[in-house]
Amino acid sequence: MKKLLLLLVILLIVSCQEKETSTADLIIENATIYTVDQDFSTATALAVKDGKIIFTGTQEELKNQNFKA
């Protein structure tokens, strides 16, 4: 019984933690960004850290990544 209670307490603590956020120096949203890949696809959001592009994609994908400027 004590082991079950301990397991429930641990699960409760782990499930209450906030999502981990990544820090970016610059976040650009609501833009038309042309990527130079095989398809020359476009993106609407971009994140930069230490002078390097760390994310390109849609604004919804950016929100799911939890980037913080």
Protein backbone atom coordinates (compact mmCIF):
# COMPACT_ATOMS: atom_id res chain seq x y z
CA MET A 1 0.00 0.00 0.00
CA LYS A 2 2.84 2.40 0.85
CA LYS A 3 4.51 1.66 -2.49
CA LEU A 4 1.30 2.44 -4.35
CA LEU A 5 0.88 5.72 -2.47
CA LEU A 6 4.51 6.66 -3.18
CA LEU A 7 4.02 5.86 -6.87
CA LEU A 8 0.90 8.04 -7.03
CA VAL A 9 2.70 10.95 -5.35
CA ILE A 10 5.62 10.68 -7.78
CA LEU A 11 3.27 10.58 -10.78
CA LEU A 12 1.43 13.61 -9.47
CA ILE A 13 4.65 15.60 -9.07
CA VAL A 14 5.93 14.67 -12.53
CA SER A 15 2.63 15.45 -14.26
CA CYS A 16 2.41 18.92 -12.67
CA GLN A 17 5.72 20.15 -14.06
CA GLU A 18 5.65 22.84 -16.75
CA LYS A 19 6.84 22.14 -20.27
CA GLU A 20 10.49 22.84 -20.88
CA THR A 21 11.08 26.04 -22.86
CA SER A 22 13.94 26.78 -25.20
CA THR A 23 15.41 30.24 -25.26
CA ALA A 24 15.94 32.04 -28.56
CA ASP A 25 17.65 35.39 -29.14
CA LEU A 26 15.23 36.34 -31.92
CA ILE A 27 11.80 35.05 -32.91
CA ILE A 28 10.21 36.14 -36.17
CA GLU A 29 6.51 35.39 -36.67
CA ASN A 30 3.87 36.19 -39.28
CA ALA A 31 6.43 36.47 -42.08
CA THR A 32 7.05 34.88 -45.45
CA ILE A 33 10.38 33.07 -45.15
CA TYR A 34 11.79 31.34 -48.22
CA THR A 35 13.95 28.35 -47.35
CA VAL A 36 16.64 27.16 -49.72
CA ASP A 37 15.86 23.47 -49.77
CA GLN A 38 15.04 21.17 -52.68
CA ASP A 39 11.45 22.40 -52.85
CA PHE A 40 12.12 26.08 -52.00
CA SER A 41 9.41 25.77 -49.37
CA THR A 42 8.18 28.67 -47.26
CA ALA A 43 7.82 29.13 -43.52
CA THR A 44 5.93 31.66 -41.42
CA ALA A 45 8.10 31.56 -38.27
CA LEU A 46 11.81 31.48 -37.50
CA ALA A 47 13.90 31.32 -34.31
CA VAL A 48 17.58 32.33 -33.97
CA LYS A 49 20.04 31.61 -31.16
CA ASP A 50 23.71 32.58 -31.06
CA GLY A 51 23.56 33.71 -34.69
CA LYS A 52 22.25 30.36 -35.93
CA ILE A 53 18.77 29.49 -37.16
CA ILE A 54 17.42 26.87 -34.78
CA PHE A 55 13.85 26.61 -36.09
CA THR A 56 11.81 27.28 -39.23
CA GLY A 57 8.20 26.32 -39.64
CA THR A 58 4.67 27.51 -39.05
CA GLN A 59 3.54 29.67 -36.16
CA GLU A 60 1.62 26.72 -34.71
CA GLU A 61 4.77 24.57 -34.76
CA LEU A 62 6.67 27.41 -33.09
CA LYS A 63 4.12 27.56 -30.27
CA ASN A 64 4.38 23.78 -29.81
CA GLN A 65 8.19 24.08 -29.47
CA ASN A 66 7.78 26.51 -26.52
CA PHE A 67 10.43 28.97 -27.64
CA LYS A 68 10.91 31.98 -25.41
CA ALA A 69 12.73 35.18 -26.42
